[in-house]
């Protein structure tokens, strides 16, 4: 699969001075999705809405960093989605807000788009339809990011939640076992998503990393 730390092919200016890097696998995945759809114009807008939703998700993470005084190095868009690279905090409470802000951003976008789409549909059916699609994309991203597997937000939030009630080593082991099950199931799930819905992420959660966590060994 694609390395999430691949060399970017473009850097764009982002909010609050945070640069946005574009990885080659991101463009490759976008091109693949467009090629598999018959209506190329529709496909281009659809992929653009996915890219916008992922970007806003990562901007949510960046905001969670900046309001707590945590330096953000960059936002990266790649074939597996995106990530916000920031200063390591060593503070679980700060991490909780940083991690949660990504999915919460998608949830807020879903709510806003769902609220206004029916009204817009009455005056501009095409724009209203795209707003409904945008809402669905963000609800999907919200749900996907809650899967308790590393390095998705759900996996990190689950680990942080376990740290609230368990000793650090036990919390890591519980998060590791849950993530290991999800990582194994990820492979048939992605195959099903591609064959049934045409949806694909060039990303596989690490089975070996979760196995190390399950044994109580920290993974960088």
N, C-alpha and C. Protein backbone atom coordinates (compact mmCIF):
# COMPACT_ATOMS: atom_id res chain seq x y z
N UNK A 1 0.84 -1.20 0.00
CA UNK A 1 0.00 0.00 0.00
C UNK A 1 0.88 1.25 0.00
N UNK A 2 0.25 2.41 -0.03
CA UNK A 2 0.97 3.67 -0.14
C UNK A 2 1.47 4.12 1.23
N UNK A 3 2.69 4.68 1.24
CA UNK A 3 3.26 5.20 2.46
C UNK A 3 2.68 6.58 2.76
N UNK A 4 2.13 6.75 3.96
CA UNK A 4 1.50 8.03 4.32
C UNK A 4 2.53 9.15 4.43
N UNK A 5 3.81 8.82 4.48
CA UNK A 5 4.85 9.84 4.56
C UNK A 5 5.56 10.02 3.22
N UNK A 6 4.83 9.76 2.16
CA UNK A 6 5.36 9.94 0.82
C UNK A 6 5.73 11.42 0.59
N UNK A 7 6.61 11.64 -0.37
CA UNK A 7 7.04 13.01 -0.68
C UNK A 7 5.94 13.75 -1.42
N UNK A 8 5.50 14.89 -0.91
CA UNK A 8 4.40 15.63 -1.57
C UNK A 8 4.85 16.19 -2.91
N UNK A 9 3.89 16.36 -3.80
CA UNK A 9 4.20 16.92 -5.12
C UNK A 9 3.76 18.37 -5.22
N UNK A 10 3.04 18.84 -4.22
CA UNK A 10 2.59 20.25 -4.22
C UNK A 10 2.36 20.70 -2.78
N UNK A 11 2.59 21.98 -2.54
CA UNK A 11 2.32 22.58 -1.23
C UNK A 11 1.49 23.83 -1.44
N UNK A 12 0.35 23.90 -0.75
CA UNK A 12 -0.57 25.02 -0.86
C UNK A 12 -0.64 25.77 0.46
N UNK A 13 -0.91 27.06 0.42
CA UNK A 13 -1.09 27.81 1.68
C UNK A 13 -2.41 27.42 2.34
N UNK A 14 -2.40 27.28 3.66
CA UNK A 14 -3.59 26.91 4.39
C UNK A 14 -3.95 27.93 5.44
N UNK A 15 -5.03 27.71 6.17
CA UNK A 15 -5.45 28.66 7.22
C UNK A 15 -4.44 28.71 8.35
N UNK A 16 -4.34 29.87 8.98
CA UNK A 16 -3.45 30.10 10.12
C UNK A 16 -1.98 29.83 9.79
N UNK A 17 -1.65 29.92 8.51
CA UNK A 17 -0.27 29.70 8.11
C UNK A 17 0.15 28.25 8.05
N UNK A 18 -0.81 27.33 8.15
CA UNK A 18 -0.50 25.90 8.11
C UNK A 18 -0.44 25.44 6.65
N UNK A 19 0.70 24.93 6.17
CA UNK A 19 0.79 24.50 4.77
C UNK A 19 0.00 23.21 4.54
N UNK A 20 -0.51 23.07 3.32
CA UNK A 20 -1.26 21.88 2.92
C UNK A 20 -0.47 21.17 1.83
N UNK A 21 0.01 19.96 2.12
CA UNK A 21 0.78 19.18 1.17
C UNK A 21 -0.13 18.18 0.45
N UNK A 22 0.10 18.02 -0.85
CA UNK A 22 -0.66 17.07 -1.66
C UNK A 22 0.26 15.94 -2.07
N UNK A 23 -0.07 14.71 -1.68
CA UNK A 23 0.73 13.55 -2.05
C UNK A 23 0.34 13.00 -3.40
N UNK A 24 1.27 12.36 -4.11
CA UNK A 24 0.94 11.79 -5.43
C UNK A 24 -0.15 10.73 -5.36
N UNK A 25 -0.21 9.98 -4.25
CA UNK A 25 -1.23 8.93 -4.13
C UNK A 25 -2.63 9.53 -4.02
N UNK A 26 -2.73 10.75 -3.51
CA UNK A 26 -4.04 11.42 -3.42
C UNK A 26 -4.58 11.71 -4.81
N UNK A 27 -3.71 12.21 -5.67
CA UNK A 27 -4.12 12.48 -7.05
C UNK A 27 -4.36 11.18 -7.81
N UNK A 28 -3.56 10.15 -7.50
CA UNK A 28 -3.74 8.86 -8.15
C UNK A 28 -5.09 8.26 -7.81
N UNK A 29 -5.46 8.33 -6.53
CA UNK A 29 -6.76 7.80 -6.10
C UNK A 29 -7.90 8.61 -6.72
N UNK A 30 -7.75 9.94 -6.73
CA UNK A 30 -8.78 10.80 -7.33
C UNK A 30 -8.96 10.46 -8.81
N UNK A 31 -7.84 10.28 -9.51
CA UNK A 31 -7.91 9.92 -10.92
C UNK A 31 -8.57 8.57 -11.14
N UNK A 32 -8.26 7.61 -10.25
CA UNK A 32 -8.84 6.28 -10.35
C UNK A 32 -10.35 6.33 -10.18
N UNK A 33 -10.80 7.10 -9.20
CA UNK A 33 -12.24 7.23 -8.96
C UNK A 33 -12.94 7.87 -10.15
N UNK A 34 -12.32 8.90 -10.72
CA UNK A 34 -12.93 9.60 -11.86
C UNK A 34 -13.01 8.68 -13.08
N UNK A 35 -11.96 7.90 -13.31
CA UNK A 35 -11.92 7.01 -14.47
C UNK A 35 -12.97 5.90 -14.38
N UNK A 36 -13.32 5.50 -13.18
CA UNK A 36 -14.28 4.40 -13.02
C UNK A 36 -15.73 4.87 -13.14
N UNK A 37 -15.96 6.18 -13.23
CA UNK A 37 -17.31 6.71 -13.34
C UNK A 37 -17.60 7.15 -14.76
N UNK A 38 -18.81 6.91 -15.21
CA UNK A 38 -19.17 7.21 -16.60
C UNK A 38 -19.26 8.71 -16.86
N UNK A 39 -19.92 9.44 -15.99
CA UNK A 39 -20.09 10.88 -16.16
C UNK A 39 -18.88 11.58 -15.53
N UNK A 40 -17.93 11.99 -16.35
CA UNK A 40 -16.68 12.55 -15.83
C UNK A 40 -16.90 13.90 -15.14
N UNK A 41 -17.85 14.68 -15.64
CA UNK A 41 -18.13 15.95 -14.99
C UNK A 41 -18.68 15.75 -13.59
N UNK A 42 -19.64 14.83 -13.47
CA UNK A 42 -20.22 14.49 -12.16
C UNK A 42 -19.13 13.93 -11.25
N UNK A 43 -18.28 13.07 -11.81
CA UNK A 43 -17.23 12.44 -11.03
C UNK A 43 -16.24 13.47 -10.49
N UNK A 44 -15.91 14.48 -11.32
CA UNK A 44 -14.97 15.51 -10.91
C UNK A 44 -15.50 16.30 -9.71
N UNK A 45 -16.78 16.66 -9.75
CA UNK A 45 -17.38 17.39 -8.64
C UNK A 45 -17.44 16.51 -7.41
N UNK A 46 -17.82 15.25 -7.58
CA UNK A 46 -17.93 14.31 -6.47
C UNK A 46 -16.59 14.13 -5.76
N UNK A 47 -15.55 13.91 -6.54
CA UNK A 47 -14.20 13.75 -5.96
C UNK A 47 -13.76 15.04 -5.29
N UNK A 48 -14.13 16.18 -5.89
CA UNK A 48 -13.79 17.47 -5.28
C UNK A 48 -14.46 17.64 -3.92
N UNK A 49 -15.69 17.19 -3.79
CA UNK A 49 -16.39 17.28 -2.50
C UNK A 49 -15.77 16.35 -1.46
N UNK A 50 -15.31 15.18 -1.90
CA UNK A 50 -14.61 14.28 -0.98
C UNK A 50 -13.32 14.93 -0.49
N UNK A 51 -12.56 15.50 -1.44
CA UNK A 51 -11.30 16.15 -1.08
C UNK A 51 -11.54 17.31 -0.12
N UNK A 52 -12.59 18.11 -0.39
CA UNK A 52 -12.91 19.23 0.49
C UNK A 52 -13.28 18.74 1.89
N UNK A 53 -14.04 17.67 1.96
CA UNK A 53 -14.46 17.13 3.26
C UNK A 53 -13.27 16.62 4.06
N UNK A 54 -12.35 15.95 3.38
CA UNK A 54 -11.14 15.46 4.06
C UNK A 54 -10.29 16.62 4.54
N UNK A 55 -10.16 17.63 3.68
CA UNK A 55 -9.36 18.80 4.05
C UNK A 55 -9.95 19.51 5.27
N UNK A 56 -11.26 19.71 5.27
CA UNK A 56 -11.90 20.38 6.40
C UNK A 56 -11.78 19.54 7.68
N UNK A 57 -11.81 18.23 7.53
CA UNK A 57 -11.57 17.32 8.67
C UNK A 57 -10.20 17.60 9.29
N UNK A 58 -9.19 17.69 8.44
CA UNK A 58 -7.83 17.93 8.94
C UNK A 58 -7.67 19.35 9.48
N UNK A 59 -8.37 20.30 8.89
CA UNK A 59 -8.35 21.66 9.43
C UNK A 59 -8.97 21.67 10.82
N UNK A 60 -9.97 20.82 11.04
CA UNK A 60 -10.54 20.68 12.38
C UNK A 60 -9.50 20.23 13.38
N UNK A 61 -8.68 19.25 13.00
CA UNK A 61 -7.58 18.81 13.86
C UNK A 61 -6.62 19.96 14.14
N UNK A 62 -6.29 20.71 13.08
CA UNK A 62 -5.35 21.82 13.22
C UNK A 62 -5.90 22.87 14.18
N UNK A 63 -7.18 23.16 14.08
CA UNK A 63 -7.80 24.13 15.00
C UNK A 63 -7.71 23.63 16.43
N UNK A 64 -7.96 22.33 16.62
CA UNK A 64 -7.86 21.75 17.96
C UNK A 64 -6.46 21.90 18.54
N UNK A 65 -5.47 21.87 17.67
CA UNK A 65 -4.08 22.09 18.11
C UNK A 65 -3.85 23.55 18.49
N UNK A 66 -4.18 24.43 17.57
CA UNK A 66 -3.82 25.84 17.71
C UNK A 66 -4.50 26.51 18.89
N UNK A 67 -5.75 26.13 19.19
CA UNK A 67 -6.44 26.76 20.32
C UNK A 67 -5.83 26.33 21.65
N UNK A 68 -5.01 25.29 21.63
CA UNK A 68 -4.36 24.81 22.84
C UNK A 68 -2.86 25.11 22.85
N UNK A 69 -2.43 25.91 21.88
CA UNK A 69 -1.03 26.29 21.82
C UNK A 69 -0.11 25.22 21.29
N UNK A 70 -0.66 24.23 20.57
CA UNK A 70 0.14 23.15 19.99
C UNK A 70 0.50 23.51 18.55
N UNK A 71 1.76 23.51 18.23
CA UNK A 71 2.21 23.91 16.90
C UNK A 71 1.82 22.87 15.85
N UNK A 72 1.31 23.35 14.71
CA UNK A 72 0.96 22.47 13.59
C UNK A 72 2.01 22.63 12.50
N UNK A 73 2.59 21.52 12.08
CA UNK A 73 3.63 21.56 11.06
C UNK A 73 3.05 21.61 9.64
N UNK A 74 2.05 20.77 9.41
CA UNK A 74 1.45 20.73 8.07
C UNK A 74 0.20 19.86 8.10
N UNK A 75 -0.59 19.98 7.02
CA UNK A 75 -1.69 19.07 6.72
C UNK A 75 -1.30 18.33 5.45
N UNK A 76 -1.49 17.02 5.45
CA UNK A 76 -1.11 16.20 4.31
C UNK A 76 -2.32 15.45 3.78
N UNK A 77 -2.56 15.56 2.48
CA UNK A 77 -3.59 14.78 1.80
C UNK A 77 -2.91 13.71 0.98
N UNK A 78 -3.29 12.44 1.22
CA UNK A 78 -2.66 11.32 0.52
C UNK A 78 -3.71 10.28 0.19
N UNK A 79 -3.29 9.17 -0.41
CA UNK A 79 -4.24 8.16 -0.87
C UNK A 79 -5.04 7.50 0.22
N UNK A 80 -4.58 7.58 1.47
CA UNK A 80 -5.31 7.01 2.59
C UNK A 80 -6.21 8.01 3.27
N UNK A 81 -6.30 9.21 2.74
CA UNK A 81 -7.12 10.25 3.34
C UNK A 81 -6.31 11.50 3.62
N UNK A 82 -6.02 11.74 4.89
CA UNK A 82 -5.24 12.91 5.26
C UNK A 82 -4.77 12.79 6.70
N UNK A 83 -3.83 13.63 7.06
CA UNK A 83 -3.41 13.71 8.46
C UNK A 83 -2.87 15.09 8.76
N UNK A 84 -2.96 15.46 10.02
CA UNK A 84 -2.46 16.74 10.50
C UNK A 84 -1.22 16.45 11.35
N UNK A 85 -0.08 16.87 10.85
CA UNK A 85 1.18 16.64 11.57
C UNK A 85 1.44 17.80 12.52
N UNK A 86 1.53 17.49 13.80
CA UNK A 86 1.68 18.56 14.79
C UNK A 86 2.67 18.18 15.88
N UNK A 87 2.98 19.12 16.70
CA UNK A 87 3.88 18.91 17.82
C UNK A 87 3.29 17.86 18.77
N UNK A 88 4.14 16.96 19.27
CA UNK A 88 3.69 15.97 20.24
C UNK A 88 3.39 16.66 21.56
N UNK A 89 2.23 16.34 22.15
CA UNK A 89 1.79 17.09 23.33
C UNK A 89 2.15 16.42 24.65
N UNK A 90 2.12 15.06 24.70
CA UNK A 90 2.30 14.32 25.97
C UNK A 90 1.21 14.69 26.98
N UNK A 91 0.08 15.16 26.49
CA UNK A 91 -1.02 15.57 27.36
C UNK A 91 -2.29 14.95 26.82
N UNK A 92 -2.84 13.96 27.55
CA UNK A 92 -4.00 13.21 27.06
C UNK A 92 -5.22 14.10 26.84
N UNK A 93 -5.42 15.08 27.70
CA UNK A 93 -6.58 15.96 27.56
C UNK A 93 -6.48 16.80 26.29
N UNK A 94 -5.29 17.31 26.01
CA UNK A 94 -5.10 18.06 24.76
C UNK A 94 -5.29 17.14 23.56
N UNK A 95 -4.76 15.94 23.64
CA UNK A 95 -4.89 14.99 22.54
C UNK A 95 -6.35 14.66 22.26
N UNK A 96 -7.15 14.55 23.31
CA UNK A 96 -8.56 14.22 23.12
C UNK A 96 -9.27 15.27 22.27
N UNK A 97 -9.02 16.54 22.55
CA UNK A 97 -9.66 17.60 21.75
C UNK A 97 -9.13 17.60 20.33
N UNK A 98 -7.81 17.46 20.19
CA UNK A 98 -7.20 17.47 18.86
C UNK A 98 -7.78 16.36 18.00
N UNK A 99 -7.84 15.16 18.54
CA UNK A 99 -8.32 14.01 17.78
C UNK A 99 -9.82 14.13 17.50
N UNK A 100 -10.59 14.56 18.49
CA UNK A 100 -12.04 14.61 18.34
C UNK A 100 -12.49 15.66 17.34
N UNK A 101 -11.71 16.73 17.15
CA UNK A 101 -12.16 17.83 16.29
C UNK A 101 -12.29 17.43 14.83
N UNK A 102 -11.55 16.42 14.38
CA UNK A 102 -11.70 15.98 13.00
C UNK A 102 -13.08 15.40 12.72
N UNK A 103 -13.46 14.32 13.44
CA UNK A 103 -14.80 13.76 13.23
C UNK A 103 -15.92 14.75 13.56
N UNK A 104 -15.73 15.57 14.59
CA UNK A 104 -16.78 16.54 14.93
C UNK A 104 -16.98 17.56 13.83
N UNK A 105 -15.91 17.90 13.11
CA UNK A 105 -16.04 18.81 11.97
C UNK A 105 -16.91 18.18 10.89
N UNK A 106 -16.67 16.89 10.59
CA UNK A 106 -17.49 16.20 9.60
C UNK A 106 -18.95 16.10 10.06
N UNK A 107 -19.16 15.87 11.34
CA UNK A 107 -20.52 15.78 11.86
C UNK A 107 -21.24 17.12 11.72
N UNK A 108 -20.51 18.21 12.00
CA UNK A 108 -21.10 19.55 11.87
C UNK A 108 -21.42 19.86 10.41
N UNK A 109 -20.53 19.49 9.50
CA UNK A 109 -20.77 19.72 8.08
C UNK A 109 -21.97 18.92 7.59
N UNK A 110 -22.11 17.68 8.06
CA UNK A 110 -23.28 16.87 7.72
C UNK A 110 -24.57 17.56 8.20
N UNK A 111 -24.55 18.04 9.44
CA UNK A 111 -25.75 18.67 10.00
C UNK A 111 -26.13 19.94 9.23
N UNK A 112 -25.14 20.78 8.93
CA UNK A 112 -25.41 22.03 8.23
C UNK A 112 -25.92 21.77 6.81
N UNK A 113 -25.22 20.87 6.09
CA UNK A 113 -25.63 20.57 4.71
C UNK A 113 -27.00 19.92 4.67
N UNK A 114 -27.28 19.03 5.63
CA UNK A 114 -28.58 18.36 5.67
C UNK A 114 -29.70 19.34 5.99
N UNK A 115 -29.40 20.33 6.81
CA UNK A 115 -30.39 21.32 7.20
C UNK A 115 -30.81 22.20 6.03
N UNK A 116 -29.81 22.63 5.24
CA UNK A 116 -30.10 23.59 4.17
C UNK A 116 -30.40 22.95 2.82
N UNK A 117 -30.01 21.69 2.61
CA UNK A 117 -30.21 21.05 1.31
C UNK A 117 -31.67 21.04 0.86
N UNK A 118 -32.65 20.68 1.71
CA UNK A 118 -34.06 20.68 1.24
C UNK A 118 -34.54 22.06 0.81
N UNK A 119 -34.10 23.11 1.51
CA UNK A 119 -34.52 24.46 1.15
C UNK A 119 -33.90 24.89 -0.17
N UNK A 120 -32.62 24.58 -0.34
CA UNK A 120 -31.94 24.93 -1.59
C UNK A 120 -32.54 24.13 -2.75
N UNK A 121 -32.94 22.89 -2.49
CA UNK A 121 -33.49 22.03 -3.52
C UNK A 121 -34.73 22.65 -4.17
N UNK A 122 -35.49 23.42 -3.42
CA UNK A 122 -36.72 24.01 -3.95
C UNK A 122 -36.43 25.11 -4.98
N UNK A 123 -35.30 25.80 -4.83
CA UNK A 123 -34.97 26.88 -5.76
C UNK A 123 -33.91 26.48 -6.77
N UNK A 124 -33.03 25.56 -6.36
CA UNK A 124 -31.97 25.09 -7.27
C UNK A 124 -31.74 23.60 -7.01
N UNK A 125 -32.51 22.75 -7.70
CA UNK A 125 -32.45 21.32 -7.45
C UNK A 125 -31.04 20.71 -7.59
N UNK A 126 -30.27 21.21 -8.55
CA UNK A 126 -28.95 20.62 -8.77
C UNK A 126 -28.01 20.93 -7.59
N UNK A 127 -28.00 22.19 -7.16
CA UNK A 127 -27.15 22.55 -6.02
C UNK A 127 -27.63 21.84 -4.75
N UNK A 128 -28.95 21.76 -4.59
CA UNK A 128 -29.50 21.06 -3.43
C UNK A 128 -29.10 19.60 -3.41
N UNK A 129 -29.09 18.96 -4.58
CA UNK A 129 -28.69 17.55 -4.67
C UNK A 129 -27.24 17.38 -4.28
N UNK A 130 -26.39 18.32 -4.73
CA UNK A 130 -24.97 18.24 -4.37
C UNK A 130 -24.76 18.48 -2.88
N UNK A 131 -25.57 19.33 -2.30
CA UNK A 131 -25.48 19.55 -0.85
C UNK A 131 -25.84 18.28 -0.08
N UNK A 132 -26.83 17.54 -0.58
CA UNK A 132 -27.21 16.27 0.04
C UNK A 132 -26.07 15.26 -0.08
N UNK A 133 -25.41 15.24 -1.23
CA UNK A 133 -24.27 14.34 -1.42
C UNK A 133 -23.14 14.74 -0.48
N UNK A 134 -22.90 16.04 -0.36
CA UNK A 134 -21.86 16.54 0.54
C UNK A 134 -22.17 16.12 1.98
N UNK A 135 -23.44 16.18 2.36
CA UNK A 135 -23.84 15.74 3.71
C UNK A 135 -23.55 14.26 3.89
N UNK A 136 -23.87 13.45 2.89
CA UNK A 136 -23.64 12.00 2.99
C UNK A 136 -22.15 11.68 3.08
N UNK A 137 -21.34 12.40 2.32
CA UNK A 137 -19.89 12.19 2.37
C UNK A 137 -19.37 12.44 3.77
N UNK A 138 -19.81 13.52 4.38
CA UNK A 138 -19.31 13.88 5.70
C UNK A 138 -19.82 12.93 6.79
N UNK A 139 -21.05 12.45 6.64
CA UNK A 139 -21.54 11.46 7.60
C UNK A 139 -20.75 10.17 7.48
N UNK A 140 -20.40 9.79 6.24
CA UNK A 140 -19.58 8.59 6.02
C UNK A 140 -18.19 8.75 6.64
N UNK A 141 -17.59 9.93 6.43
CA UNK A 141 -16.27 10.17 7.01
C UNK A 141 -16.32 10.17 8.54
N UNK A 142 -17.39 10.71 9.09
CA UNK A 142 -17.55 10.70 10.54
C UNK A 142 -17.60 9.27 11.06
N UNK A 143 -18.41 8.43 10.42
CA UNK A 143 -18.54 7.04 10.85
C UNK A 143 -17.25 6.26 10.64
N UNK A 144 -16.62 6.46 9.48
CA UNK A 144 -15.37 5.76 9.18
C UNK A 144 -14.29 6.08 10.19
N UNK A 145 -14.22 7.34 10.59
CA UNK A 145 -13.17 7.77 11.51
C UNK A 145 -13.43 7.34 12.96
N UNK A 146 -14.58 6.78 13.23
CA UNK A 146 -14.87 6.28 14.57
C UNK A 146 -14.52 4.80 14.72
N UNK A 147 -14.09 4.16 13.65
CA UNK A 147 -13.65 2.76 13.75
C UNK A 147 -12.42 2.71 14.65
N UNK A 148 -12.43 1.87 15.69
CA UNK A 148 -11.34 1.88 16.68
C UNK A 148 -10.08 1.17 16.23
N UNK A 149 -9.46 1.69 15.18
CA UNK A 149 -8.23 1.12 14.65
C UNK A 149 -7.23 2.25 14.42
N UNK A 150 -5.98 2.02 14.77
CA UNK A 150 -4.93 3.01 14.55
C UNK A 150 -4.54 3.02 13.08
N UNK A 151 -4.20 4.16 12.47
CA UNK A 151 -4.12 5.48 13.10
C UNK A 151 -5.36 6.33 12.91
N UNK A 152 -6.50 5.71 12.65
CA UNK A 152 -7.74 6.50 12.53
C UNK A 152 -8.07 7.16 13.85
N UNK A 153 -8.85 8.22 13.77
CA UNK A 153 -9.22 8.96 14.99
C UNK A 153 -9.93 8.06 16.00
N UNK A 154 -10.74 7.13 15.48
CA UNK A 154 -11.45 6.23 16.38
C UNK A 154 -10.51 5.37 17.21
N UNK A 155 -9.43 4.91 16.59
CA UNK A 155 -8.45 4.11 17.33
C UNK A 155 -7.74 4.93 18.39
N UNK A 156 -7.41 6.16 18.04
CA UNK A 156 -6.72 7.02 19.00
C UNK A 156 -7.66 7.45 20.13
N UNK A 157 -8.91 7.76 19.79
CA UNK A 157 -9.88 8.14 20.82
C UNK A 157 -10.19 6.96 21.75
N UNK A 158 -10.27 5.76 21.18
CA UNK A 158 -10.52 4.59 22.01
C UNK A 158 -9.37 4.36 22.99
N UNK A 159 -8.15 4.50 22.50
CA UNK A 159 -6.98 4.36 23.38
C UNK A 159 -6.99 5.42 24.48
N UNK A 160 -7.29 6.66 24.12
CA UNK A 160 -7.35 7.74 25.10
C UNK A 160 -8.46 7.49 26.12
N UNK A 161 -9.59 6.94 25.66
CA UNK A 161 -10.68 6.62 26.58
C UNK A 161 -10.27 5.52 27.56
N UNK A 162 -9.54 4.53 27.06
CA UNK A 162 -9.06 3.45 27.93
C UNK A 162 -8.08 3.97 28.98
N UNK A 163 -7.30 4.98 28.59
CA UNK A 163 -6.34 5.56 29.54
C UNK A 163 -7.04 6.25 30.71
N UNK A 164 -8.29 6.64 30.50
CA UNK A 164 -9.05 7.30 31.57
C UNK A 164 -9.47 6.30 32.66
N UNK A 165 -9.59 5.02 32.30
CA UNK A 165 -10.14 4.05 33.25
C UNK A 165 -9.20 2.89 33.56
N UNK A 166 -8.11 2.77 32.78
CA UNK A 166 -7.20 1.64 32.97
C UNK A 166 -5.76 2.13 33.12
N UNK A 167 -4.92 1.26 33.64
CA UNK A 167 -3.49 1.54 33.70
C UNK A 167 -2.96 1.65 32.27
N UNK A 168 -1.92 2.47 32.05
CA UNK A 168 -1.43 2.71 30.69
C UNK A 168 -1.13 1.43 29.89
N UNK A 169 -0.45 0.45 30.49
CA UNK A 169 -0.12 -0.76 29.74
C UNK A 169 -1.37 -1.56 29.39
N UNK A 170 -2.30 -1.66 30.34
CA UNK A 170 -3.54 -2.39 30.08
C UNK A 170 -4.37 -1.67 29.02
N UNK A 171 -4.41 -0.34 29.09
CA UNK A 171 -5.14 0.45 28.09
C UNK A 171 -4.58 0.20 26.70
N UNK A 172 -3.25 0.14 26.60
CA UNK A 172 -2.62 -0.13 25.32
C UNK A 172 -2.97 -1.52 24.81
N UNK A 173 -2.99 -2.50 25.71
CA UNK A 173 -3.30 -3.86 25.30
C UNK A 173 -4.75 -3.98 24.82
N UNK A 174 -5.67 -3.37 25.54
CA UNK A 174 -7.08 -3.41 25.13
C UNK A 174 -7.25 -2.74 23.77
N UNK A 175 -6.65 -1.56 23.61
CA UNK A 175 -6.73 -0.85 22.33
C UNK A 175 -6.07 -1.67 21.23
N UNK A 176 -4.98 -2.37 21.57
CA UNK A 176 -4.29 -3.20 20.59
C UNK A 176 -5.13 -4.36 20.12
N UNK A 177 -5.80 -5.06 21.04
CA UNK A 177 -6.63 -6.21 20.67
C UNK A 177 -7.83 -5.78 19.83
N UNK A 178 -8.50 -4.71 20.26
CA UNK A 178 -9.64 -4.21 19.50
C UNK A 178 -9.20 -3.76 18.11
N UNK A 179 -8.07 -3.03 18.05
CA UNK A 179 -7.56 -2.57 16.77
C UNK A 179 -7.11 -3.72 15.88
N UNK A 180 -6.56 -4.77 16.49
CA UNK A 180 -6.11 -5.94 15.72
C UNK A 180 -7.29 -6.61 15.02
N UNK A 181 -8.40 -6.76 15.73
CA UNK A 181 -9.59 -7.36 15.12
C UNK A 181 -10.09 -6.49 13.97
N UNK A 182 -10.13 -5.19 14.19
CA UNK A 182 -10.59 -4.27 13.14
C UNK A 182 -9.65 -4.27 11.95
N UNK A 183 -8.33 -4.35 12.20
CA UNK A 183 -7.35 -4.34 11.12
C UNK A 183 -7.48 -5.59 10.25
N UNK A 184 -7.77 -6.73 10.87
CA UNK A 184 -7.96 -7.97 10.11
C UNK A 184 -9.23 -7.89 9.27
N UNK A 185 -10.29 -7.35 9.87
CA UNK A 185 -11.57 -7.23 9.15
C UNK A 185 -11.53 -6.15 8.08
N UNK A 186 -10.55 -5.24 8.18
CA UNK A 186 -10.47 -4.11 7.24
C UNK A 186 -10.30 -4.59 5.80
N UNK A 187 -9.53 -5.66 5.60
CA UNK A 187 -9.21 -6.14 4.25
C UNK A 187 -10.47 -6.59 3.51
N UNK A 188 -11.27 -7.51 4.05
CA UNK A 188 -12.51 -7.87 3.33
C UNK A 188 -13.51 -6.71 3.25
N UNK A 189 -13.48 -5.83 4.26
CA UNK A 189 -14.41 -4.69 4.24
C UNK A 189 -14.08 -3.74 3.09
N UNK A 190 -12.79 -3.45 2.86
CA UNK A 190 -12.41 -2.58 1.76
C UNK A 190 -12.71 -3.22 0.41
N UNK A 191 -12.51 -4.54 0.33
CA UNK A 191 -12.84 -5.25 -0.92
C UNK A 191 -14.33 -5.14 -1.21
N UNK A 192 -15.14 -5.31 -0.17
CA UNK A 192 -16.59 -5.20 -0.33
C UNK A 192 -16.99 -3.78 -0.71
N UNK A 193 -16.35 -2.78 -0.07
CA UNK A 193 -16.67 -1.39 -0.37
C UNK A 193 -16.34 -1.05 -1.82
N UNK A 194 -15.23 -1.60 -2.33
CA UNK A 194 -14.83 -1.31 -3.71
C UNK A 194 -15.76 -2.00 -4.72
N UNK A 195 -16.09 -3.27 -4.46
CA UNK A 195 -16.91 -4.02 -5.41
C UNK A 195 -18.37 -3.58 -5.39
N UNK A 196 -18.86 -3.17 -4.23
CA UNK A 196 -20.28 -2.83 -4.11
C UNK A 196 -20.57 -1.34 -4.30
N UNK A 197 -19.63 -0.48 -3.84
CA UNK A 197 -19.91 0.95 -3.85
C UNK A 197 -18.87 1.77 -4.62
N UNK A 198 -17.82 1.12 -5.13
CA UNK A 198 -16.78 1.85 -5.84
C UNK A 198 -15.94 2.73 -4.95
N UNK A 199 -15.90 2.41 -3.66
CA UNK A 199 -15.17 3.21 -2.68
C UNK A 199 -13.88 2.50 -2.32
N UNK A 200 -12.76 3.26 -2.29
CA UNK A 200 -11.47 2.64 -2.00
C UNK A 200 -10.56 3.64 -1.29
N UNK A 201 -9.82 3.14 -0.28
CA UNK A 201 -8.76 3.91 0.36
C UNK A 201 -7.45 3.14 0.17
N UNK A 202 -6.40 3.84 -0.26
CA UNK A 202 -5.10 3.21 -0.45
C UNK A 202 -4.38 3.15 0.90
N UNK A 203 -4.99 2.46 1.84
CA UNK A 203 -4.50 2.44 3.21
C UNK A 203 -4.94 1.15 3.88
N UNK A 204 -4.00 0.52 4.58
CA UNK A 204 -4.32 -0.66 5.39
C UNK A 204 -3.79 -0.42 6.80
N UNK A 205 -4.62 -0.56 7.82
CA UNK A 205 -4.10 -0.45 9.18
C UNK A 205 -3.11 -1.58 9.43
N UNK A 206 -2.09 -1.29 10.21
CA UNK A 206 -1.02 -2.25 10.44
C UNK A 206 -1.44 -3.33 11.42
N UNK A 207 -1.47 -4.58 10.95
CA UNK A 207 -1.78 -5.70 11.83
C UNK A 207 -0.63 -5.92 12.81
N UNK A 208 0.60 -5.78 12.33
CA UNK A 208 1.76 -6.01 13.21
C UNK A 208 1.84 -4.96 14.32
N UNK A 209 1.51 -3.71 14.01
CA UNK A 209 1.56 -2.65 15.02
C UNK A 209 0.52 -2.91 16.11
N UNK A 210 -0.67 -3.34 15.72
CA UNK A 210 -1.70 -3.64 16.71
C UNK A 210 -1.33 -4.87 17.53
N UNK A 211 -0.66 -5.82 16.91
CA UNK A 211 -0.22 -7.00 17.64
C UNK A 211 0.80 -6.62 18.71
N UNK A 212 1.70 -5.68 18.36
CA UNK A 212 2.68 -5.20 19.35
C UNK A 212 1.97 -4.48 20.49
N UNK A 213 0.97 -3.67 20.16
CA UNK A 213 0.19 -2.99 21.21
C UNK A 213 -0.53 -4.00 22.10
N UNK A 214 -1.09 -5.04 21.49
CA UNK A 214 -1.80 -6.06 22.25
C UNK A 214 -0.87 -6.77 23.24
N UNK A 215 0.41 -6.82 22.90
CA UNK A 215 1.40 -7.43 23.80
C UNK A 215 1.95 -6.43 24.81
N UNK A 216 1.44 -5.18 24.74
CA UNK A 216 1.87 -4.17 25.70
C UNK A 216 3.12 -3.43 25.31
N UNK A 217 3.44 -3.47 24.03
CA UNK A 217 4.64 -2.79 23.53
C UNK A 217 4.24 -1.52 22.79
N UNK A 218 4.82 -0.41 23.19
CA UNK A 218 4.50 0.87 22.57
C UNK A 218 4.97 0.88 21.12
N UNK A 219 4.16 1.47 20.26
CA UNK A 219 4.49 1.59 18.84
C UNK A 219 4.60 3.06 18.51
N UNK A 220 5.70 3.46 17.87
CA UNK A 220 5.92 4.87 17.53
C UNK A 220 4.94 5.31 16.46
